[in-house]
Amino acid sequence: MTENASSVSANPVARQQRRNKMLLGLAGVTVVAAAIAGGYWWLHASNFVSTDNAYAAVEVAQVTPSVGGTVLQVLVKDTQAVRQGDVLVRIDPTDAKLSLAQAEAELARAVRRVKGYVANDGGLKAQIAARAADQKSAAAKLTAAQADMARATVDLQRRQALAQSGSVSGDELTHAQNAFAAAQSQLAAALAAQAQALANHEAAIGAKQVNATLIEGSTAEDNPEVLLALARRDQAQVDLDRTTVRAPVDGVVAKRSVQIGQRVQAGTPLMSVVPLQDMYVDANFKEVQLPKVRTGQSVQLHADLYGKDVTYTGTVVGFSGGSGAAFAAIPAQNATGNWIKVVQRLPVRIQLNAQELAEHPLRVGLSMTATVDTRSGPAVQ
């Protein structure tokens, strides 16, 4: 054996053949490994896109007062869990109560005023009837005055004719002339009285028409004046209710900035409520990773908070309207001469499973790893 080994080692041709066999075997192993890796990538790995540039996010609810005032109570602290409708802050309601009392008084006055319109309508009807009677009376008096005038005219003409022949005395003629003047005055007065009666009748009709427009087609409950006063009363009641600031959603209190005794205005940020049950993930994929990603595809996610022990399942629900660079405060100026192409990232929104979130809660801004299965969901167009 030793002699055979020595002879082979001493033979250069045998050594070369042995080396070629080893290289050929290594090349075969390499080709097989590459084929396996290529097949794995082609059949499986190419159907998944992943990124660790992903973060938990949520639509934070801002808590702001709808009315201004002095803060009397602050009933929550940062990190405290609250339910929708829980009282967070109470504002001094004194001004709101006074406004409500004033609005209620104005409402009562409006109701009484409208009821007065209704009652006045009947009075105006009677007034129209009275003015119509006055007009008839004036017409009768005018007829009598016209008759007196005609009689006085005839008497005067007769006396004047007889006076020329001396058949009547001067006193009798003077008496006839005075009667004629009196009848003429009475006729003028009757004409004026008739005109006044007509004007009073028309004025009464106009007053009733004006009053009718105030109550036409409505009652004391649905009259526009009453409805306006009622709306102001309701607004005052709403303003009073708004002095109690409540949680808009379920969640955790964050960024509380309000203090007791602070004077706040409507719209002043008081705190935020983070609805942890509605968390989602914004995953920033490279643009070259997105050709086969579609809404509805399933996603597996891991949070750095829990590591690989906890896996979340999610669904792609949408894509941002632009890359992060497009919406940056200072956008990139790609038209410059020293431009360098940079692969952009597009935020993709992923909805998380509510039950998994309840079992393993997340917080805003936590780092996530997302892997999208492009075989799931809608087919690639």
Protein backbone atom coordinates (compact mmCIF):
# COMPACT_ATOMS: atom_id res chain seq x y z
CA MET A 1 0.00 0.00 0.00
CA THR A 2 2.74 2.40 0.83
CA GLU A 3 4.52 1.66 -2.40
CA ASN A 4 1.28 2.20 -4.43
CA ALA A 5 0.59 5.55 -2.71
CA SER A 6 4.11 6.67 -3.28
CA SER A 7 3.86 5.75 -6.94
CA VAL A 8 0.62 7.66 -7.39
CA SER A 9 2.01 10.72 -5.61
CA ALA A 10 5.06 10.59 -7.74
CA ASN A 11 2.97 10.38 -10.92
CA PRO A 12 1.93 13.91 -12.07
CA VAL A 13 -0.77 12.61 -14.38
CA ALA A 14 -2.52 10.76 -11.56
CA ARG A 15 -2.45 13.87 -9.42
CA GLN A 16 -3.98 15.98 -12.19
CA GLN A 17 -6.73 13.45 -12.80
CA ARG A 18 -7.55 13.36 -9.11
CA ARG A 19 -7.70 17.19 -8.98
CA ASN A 20 -9.94 17.31 -12.03
CA LYS A 21 -12.35 14.86 -10.45
CA MET A 22 -12.51 16.98 -7.28
CA LEU A 23 -13.10 20.19 -9.26
CA LEU A 24 -15.73 18.50 -11.38
CA GLY A 25 -17.51 17.27 -8.25
CA LEU A 26 -17.34 20.72 -6.68
CA ALA A 27 -18.71 22.26 -9.86
CA GLY A 28 -21.56 19.75 -9.86
CA VAL A 29 -22.39 20.52 -6.25
CA THR A 30 -22.34 24.22 -7.05
CA VAL A 31 -24.65 23.80 -10.03
CA VAL A 32 -27.06 21.68 -8.00
CA ALA A 33 -27.06 24.21 -5.14
CA ALA A 34 -27.62 27.07 -7.58
CA ALA A 35 -30.45 25.15 -9.24
CA ILE A 36 -32.06 24.49 -5.87
CA ALA A 37 -31.67 28.13 -4.83
CA GLY A 38 -33.00 29.34 -8.18
CA GLY A 39 -35.92 26.98 -8.01
CA TYR A 40 -36.71 28.05 -4.46
CA TRP A 41 -36.58 31.69 -5.47
CA TRP A 42 -38.63 31.17 -8.62
CA LEU A 43 -41.27 28.95 -7.05
CA HIS A 44 -41.51 30.54 -3.58
CA ALA A 45 -39.34 33.46 -2.55
CA SER A 46 -40.16 35.58 -5.63
CA ASN A 47 -43.79 35.67 -4.45
CA PHE A 48 -42.91 37.60 -1.28
CA VAL A 49 -41.70 41.18 -0.77
CA SER A 50 -40.48 42.33 2.60
CA THR A 51 -39.38 45.50 4.36
CA ASP A 52 -38.30 46.42 7.84
CA ASN A 53 -39.07 50.09 7.11
CA ALA A 54 -42.54 49.81 8.62
CA TYR A 55 -44.14 51.43 11.64
CA ALA A 56 -47.35 51.11 13.64
CA ALA A 57 -49.70 54.07 13.24
CA VAL A 58 -53.27 55.14 14.01
CA GLU A 59 -55.67 58.02 13.39
CA VAL A 60 -55.24 59.92 16.66
CA ALA A 61 -58.39 61.67 17.97
CA GLN A 62 -57.76 65.27 19.03
CA VAL A 63 -59.76 66.45 22.05
CA THR A 64 -60.75 70.12 21.76
CA PRO A 65 -63.57 72.06 23.45
CA SER A 66 -66.44 73.44 21.39
CA VAL A 67 -66.99 76.31 23.84
CA GLY A 68 -64.61 78.53 25.75
CA GLY A 69 -64.34 78.92 29.51
CA THR A 70 -62.36 78.18 32.64
CA VAL A 71 -61.41 74.56 33.30
CA LEU A 72 -62.94 73.29 36.56
CA GLN A 73 -61.90 69.62 36.45
CA VAL A 74 -59.48 67.41 34.56
CA LEU A 75 -60.46 63.81 35.22
CA VAL A 76 -57.81 61.86 33.28
CA LYS A 77 -54.04 61.56 33.03
CA ASP A 78 -51.62 60.54 30.32
CA THR A 79 -51.56 56.78 29.60
CA GLN A 80 -55.03 56.34 31.14
CA ALA A 81 -57.42 54.12 29.19
CA VAL A 82 -60.83 55.65 28.47
CA ARG A 83 -64.04 54.57 26.82
CA GLN A 84 -66.03 56.57 24.30
CA GLY A 85 -68.25 59.02 26.19
CA ASP A 86 -66.15 59.11 29.38
CA VAL A 87 -65.85 62.59 30.89
CA LEU A 88 -62.37 64.03 30.36
CA VAL A 89 -62.68 67.72 31.25
CA ARG A 90 -65.34 69.96 32.77
CA ILE A 91 -65.50 73.67 31.90
CA ASP A 92 -67.19 76.27 34.13
CA PRO A 93 -70.85 76.21 32.98
CA THR A 94 -71.94 79.53 34.54
CA ASP A 95 -71.94 81.56 31.32
CA ALA A 96 -73.62 78.75 29.41
CA LYS A 97 -76.38 78.44 32.04
CA LEU A 98 -77.08 82.18 31.87
CA SER A 99 -77.25 82.03 28.08
CA LEU A 100 -79.67 79.12 28.32
CA ALA A 101 -81.90 81.00 30.76
CA GLN A 102 -81.92 84.02 28.47
CA ALA A 103 -82.77 81.86 25.45
CA GLU A 104 -85.61 80.14 27.35
CA ALA A 105 -87.03 83.54 28.33
CA GLU A 106 -86.84 84.71 24.74
CA LEU A 107 -88.61 81.54 23.63
CA ALA A 108 -91.44 82.14 26.10
CA ARG A 109 -91.74 85.74 24.93
CA ALA A 110 -91.87 84.64 21.30
CA VAL A 111 -94.67 82.18 22.07
CA ARG A 112 -96.66 84.89 23.83
CA ARG A 113 -96.05 87.31 20.98
CA VAL A 114 -97.32 84.81 18.40
CA LYS A 115 -100.37 84.02 20.53
CA GLY A 116 -100.98 87.78 20.59
CA TYR A 117 -100.90 87.79 16.80
CA VAL A 118 -103.56 85.06 16.75
CA ALA A 119 -105.75 86.89 19.27
CA ASN A 120 -105.25 90.18 17.44
CA ASP A 121 -106.52 88.59 14.24
CA GLY A 122 -110.01 88.29 15.70
CA GLY A 123 -109.91 91.86 16.96
CA LEU A 124 -108.89 93.10 13.54
CA LYS A 125 -111.81 91.25 11.97
CA ALA A 126 -114.19 93.05 14.34
CA GLN A 127 -112.45 96.33 13.60
CA ILE A 128 -112.97 95.82 9.86
CA ALA A 129 -116.67 95.20 10.48
CA ALA A 130 -116.88 98.37 12.61
CA ARG A 131 -115.13 100.42 9.94
CA ALA A 132 -117.51 99.02 7.32
CA ALA A 133 -120.45 100.14 9.49
CA ASP A 134 -118.83 103.57 9.87
CA GLN A 135 -118.52 103.73 6.12
CA LYS A 136 -122.25 102.96 5.69
CA SER A 137 -123.14 105.55 8.30
CA ALA A 138 -121.00 108.13 6.53
CA ALA A 139 -122.68 107.25 3.25
CA ALA A 140 -126.11 107.79 4.82
CA LYS A 141 -125.06 111.10 6.30
CA LEU A 142 -123.71 112.13 2.90
CA THR A 143 -127.06 111.30 1.31
CA ALA A 144 -128.86 113.37 3.93
CA ALA A 145 -126.43 116.24 3.47
CA GLN A 146 -126.91 116.10 -0.28
CA ALA A 147 -130.69 116.23 0.20
CA ASP A 148 -130.38 119.17 2.58
CA MET A 149 -128.12 120.86 0.08
CA ALA A 150 -130.60 120.35 -2.73
CA ARG A 151 -133.48 121.69 -0.61
CA ALA A 152 -131.46 124.70 0.58
CA THR A 153 -130.49 125.45 -3.02
CA VAL A 154 -134.09 125.40 -4.22
CA ASP A 155 -135.26 127.57 -1.29
CA LEU A 156 -132.52 130.12 -1.93
CA GLN A 157 -133.33 130.28 -5.63
CA ARG A 158 -137.02 130.84 -4.86
CA ARG A 159 -136.29 133.53 -2.29
CA GLN A 160 -133.94 135.30 -4.67
CA ALA A 161 -136.62 135.34 -7.45
CA LEU A 162 -139.32 136.68 -5.11
CA ALA A 163 -136.96 139.23 -3.56
CA GLN A 164 -136.70 140.99 -6.93
CA SER A 165 -140.46 141.56 -6.93
CA GLY A 166 -140.50 142.51 -3.26
CA SER A 167 -142.63 139.51 -2.28
CA VAL A 168 -140.20 138.40 0.49
CA SER A 169 -138.42 140.42 3.08
CA GLY A 170 -134.68 140.84 3.32
CA ASP A 171 -134.60 138.82 6.56
CA GLU A 172 -136.23 135.85 4.89
CA LEU A 173 -133.72 136.00 2.04
CA THR A 174 -130.86 136.20 4.53
CA HIS A 175 -132.26 133.18 6.36
CA ALA A 176 -132.34 131.20 3.11
CA GLN A 177 -128.83 132.21 2.28
CA ASN A 178 -127.63 131.07 5.74
CA ALA A 179 -129.46 127.74 5.37
CA PHE A 180 -127.78 127.25 1.98
CA ALA A 181 -124.32 127.94 3.48
CA ALA A 182 -125.01 125.56 6.38
CA ALA A 183 -126.16 122.83 4.00
CA GLN A 184 -123.06 123.38 1.89
CA SER A 185 -120.84 123.00 4.97
CA GLN A 186 -122.69 119.89 6.09
CA LEU A 187 -122.25 118.39 2.60
CA ALA A 188 -118.50 119.08 2.69
CA ALA A 189 -118.28 117.54 6.16
CA ALA A 190 -120.25 114.49 5.02
CA LEU A 191 -117.93 114.04 2.05
CA ALA A 192 -114.90 114.26 4.33
CA ALA A 193 -116.47 111.82 6.80
CA GLN A 194 -117.15 109.36 3.99
CA ALA A 195 -113.54 109.63 2.76
CA GLN A 196 -112.26 109.12 6.31
CA ALA A 197 -114.54 106.12 6.84
CA LEU A 198 -113.27 104.59 3.59
CA ALA A 199 -109.65 105.19 4.60
CA ASN A 200 -110.25 103.70 8.07
CA HIS A 201 -111.84 100.64 6.51
CA GLU A 202 -108.93 100.14 4.13
CA ALA A 203 -106.45 100.67 6.97
CA ALA A 204 -108.21 98.02 9.06
CA ILE A 205 -108.08 95.60 6.13
CA GLY A 206 -104.35 96.33 5.66
CA ALA A 207 -103.63 95.83 9.37
CA LYS A 208 -105.38 92.46 9.26
CA GLN A 209 -103.41 91.44 6.18
CA VAL A 210 -100.15 92.38 7.89
CA ASN A 211 -101.14 90.41 10.97
CA ALA A 212 -102.23 87.48 8.79
CA THR A 213 -98.77 87.24 7.20
CA LEU A 214 -97.30 86.76 10.69
CA ILE A 215 -99.47 83.73 11.45
CA GLU A 216 -100.37 82.40 8.01
CA GLY A 217 -99.92 78.64 7.69
CA SER A 218 -98.55 78.22 11.21
CA THR A 219 -99.53 77.79 14.83
CA ALA A 220 -98.01 79.08 18.04
CA GLU A 221 -95.75 76.00 18.04
CA ASP A 222 -94.39 76.13 14.49
CA ASN A 223 -94.40 79.87 13.82
CA PRO A 224 -91.03 81.06 12.40
CA GLU A 225 -90.48 83.45 15.31
CA VAL A 226 -91.04 80.63 17.78
CA LEU A 227 -88.86 78.22 15.78
CA LEU A 228 -86.04 80.77 15.72
CA ALA A 229 -86.26 81.27 19.48
CA LEU A 230 -86.45 77.49 19.94
CA ALA A 231 -83.30 77.00 17.84
CA ARG A 232 -81.47 79.57 19.94
CA ARG A 233 -82.64 77.81 23.09
CA ASP A 234 -81.44 74.46 21.72
CA GLN A 235 -78.08 75.99 20.78
CA ALA A 236 -77.72 77.34 24.31
CA GLN A 237 -78.51 73.88 25.66
CA VAL A 238 -75.91 72.34 23.35
CA ASP A 239 -73.32 74.89 24.49
CA LEU A 240 -74.11 74.00 28.11
CA ASP A 241 -73.73 70.28 27.37
CA ARG A 242 -70.43 70.97 25.64
CA THR A 243 -68.94 72.34 28.84
CA THR A 244 -68.49 68.64 29.64
CA VAL A 245 -65.78 67.35 27.28
CA ARG A 246 -66.05 63.62 26.61
CA ALA A 247 -63.83 61.03 24.96
CA PRO A 248 -64.63 60.78 21.23
CA VAL A 249 -63.40 57.17 20.93
CA ASP A 250 -62.07 54.29 23.00
CA GLY A 251 -58.35 54.58 23.55
CA VAL A 252 -55.47 55.80 25.69
CA VAL A 253 -54.96 59.42 26.73
CA ALA A 254 -51.79 61.05 25.39
CA LYS A 255 -50.27 64.54 25.17
CA ARG A 256 -52.50 66.00 27.90
CA SER A 257 -51.77 69.72 28.12
CA VAL A 258 -54.80 71.14 29.96
CA GLN A 259 -54.68 72.13 33.63
CA ILE A 260 -57.31 73.12 36.21
CA GLY A 261 -57.98 76.86 36.17
CA GLN A 262 -56.75 77.27 32.61
CA ARG A 263 -58.81 79.57 30.39
CA VAL A 264 -59.43 77.79 27.12
CA GLN A 265 -61.02 78.86 23.87
CA ALA A 266 -63.05 76.78 21.45
CA GLY A 267 -60.67 74.62 19.44
CA THR A 268 -57.80 74.72 21.96
CA PRO A 269 -56.02 71.31 21.95
CA LEU A 270 -56.48 69.72 25.37
CA MET A 271 -55.19 66.18 24.81
CA SER A 272 -55.25 63.28 22.38
CA VAL A 273 -56.93 59.89 22.57
CA VAL A 274 -55.08 57.08 20.79
CA PRO A 275 -57.50 54.30 19.63
CA LEU A 276 -55.12 51.34 19.99
CA GLN A 277 -57.79 48.95 18.72
CA ASP A 278 -57.66 50.66 15.31
CA MET A 279 -53.91 50.44 14.79
CA TYR A 280 -52.55 49.86 11.30
CA VAL A 281 -49.08 49.68 9.76
CA ASP A 282 -47.49 51.99 7.22
CA ALA A 283 -44.88 49.90 5.40
CA ASN A 284 -42.47 51.83 3.16
CA PHE A 285 -41.63 49.51 0.26
CA LYS A 286 -39.09 50.31 -2.44
CA GLU A 287 -40.71 51.17 -5.74
CA VAL A 288 -39.05 48.16 -7.39
CA GLN A 289 -40.83 45.86 -4.90
CA LEU A 290 -44.35 46.97 -5.78
CA PRO A 291 -45.18 45.72 -9.32
CA LYS A 292 -47.11 42.71 -8.02
CA VAL A 293 -48.44 44.18 -4.76
CA ARG A 294 -52.22 44.77 -4.78
CA THR A 295 -54.89 45.73 -2.28
CA GLY A 296 -56.43 42.72 -0.56
CA GLN A 297 -53.20 40.71 -0.41
CA SER A 298 -52.28 39.12 2.91
CA VAL A 299 -49.31 40.28 4.95
CA GLN A 300 -47.35 38.75 7.81
CA LEU A 301 -45.87 41.19 10.30
CA HIS A 302 -43.58 41.10 13.31
CA ALA A 303 -43.09 43.84 15.85
CA ASP A 304 -39.69 44.51 17.38
CA LEU A 305 -41.58 44.82 20.67
CA TYR A 306 -42.46 41.10 20.67
CA GLY A 307 -39.90 39.68 18.24
CA LYS A 308 -40.49 36.61 16.10
CA ASP A 309 -42.60 34.94 18.80
CA VAL A 310 -45.66 36.98 17.80
CA THR A 311 -46.89 37.07 14.20
CA TYR A 312 -49.59 39.47 13.06
CA THR A 313 -51.70 38.86 9.98
CA GLY A 314 -52.77 41.86 7.96
CA THR A 315 -54.22 42.96 4.64
CA VAL A 316 -53.02 45.55 2.15
CA VAL A 317 -55.75 48.21 2.08
CA GLY A 318 -54.17 51.04 0.10
CA PHE A 319 -51.22 52.92 -1.28
CA SER A 320 -50.11 56.45 -0.54
CA GLY A 321 -50.68 59.08 -3.22
CA GLY A 322 -46.95 59.80 -3.41
CA SER A 323 -43.54 58.89 -2.05
CA GLY A 324 -42.15 60.30 1.15
CA ALA A 325 -39.80 62.55 -0.80
CA ALA A 326 -42.74 64.05 -2.72
CA PHE A 327 -44.47 65.14 0.50
CA ALA A 328 -41.33 66.22 2.36
CA ALA A 329 -41.19 69.72 3.82
CA ILE A 330 -38.23 70.40 1.49
CA PRO A 331 -38.76 68.25 -1.64
CA ALA A 332 -35.75 66.98 -3.53
CA GLN A 333 -34.68 69.21 -6.44
CA ASN A 334 -34.05 66.57 -9.10
CA ALA A 335 -33.60 69.14 -11.85
CA THR A 336 -30.12 70.09 -10.65
CA GLY A 337 -27.02 69.15 -12.64
CA ASN A 338 -25.52 66.90 -9.94
CA TRP A 339 -28.55 64.64 -9.80
CA ILE A 340 -28.13 61.11 -8.42
CA LYS A 341 -30.95 58.60 -8.77
CA VAL A 342 -32.28 57.31 -5.45
CA VAL A 343 -34.73 54.43 -5.22
CA GLN A 344 -37.91 55.87 -3.72
CA ARG A 345 -40.17 54.27 -1.13
CA LEU A 346 -43.97 54.35 -1.25
CA PRO A 347 -46.03 53.98 1.96
CA VAL A 348 -48.40 51.01 1.84
CA ARG A 349 -51.16 50.83 4.45
CA ILE A 350 -51.76 47.45 6.08
CA GLN A 351 -54.82 46.73 8.20
CA LEU A 352 -54.16 44.55 11.24
CA ASN A 353 -56.32 41.81 12.73
CA ALA A 354 -58.38 43.27 15.60
CA GLN A 355 -58.26 40.10 17.70
CA GLU A 356 -54.48 39.85 17.41
CA LEU A 357 -54.19 43.52 18.36
CA ALA A 358 -56.28 42.89 21.45
CA GLU A 359 -54.01 40.01 22.46
CA HIS A 360 -50.77 41.86 21.72
CA PRO A 361 -51.36 45.64 21.77
CA LEU A 362 -49.10 47.98 19.82
CA ARG A 363 -48.23 51.64 20.25
CA VAL A 364 -47.86 54.39 17.67
CA GLY A 365 -44.45 54.49 16.03
CA LEU A 366 -43.23 50.98 16.96
CA SER A 367 -40.97 49.30 14.39
CA MET A 368 -42.46 46.48 12.33
CA THR A 369 -41.33 44.02 9.67
CA ALA A 370 -43.84 43.32 6.90
CA THR A 371 -43.87 40.55 4.28
CA VAL A 372 -46.51 40.61 1.54
CA ASP A 373 -47.63 37.40 -0.14
CA THR A 374 -48.23 38.53 -3.73
CA ARG A 375 -49.95 35.24 -4.57
CA SER A 376 -52.88 36.09 -2.32
CA GLY A 377 -55.66 38.56 -2.93
CA PRO A 378 -56.64 39.84 -6.37
CA ALA A 379 -54.79 38.54 -9.41
CA VAL A 380 -52.06 40.67 -10.92
CA GLN A 381 -53.46 42.62 -13.88
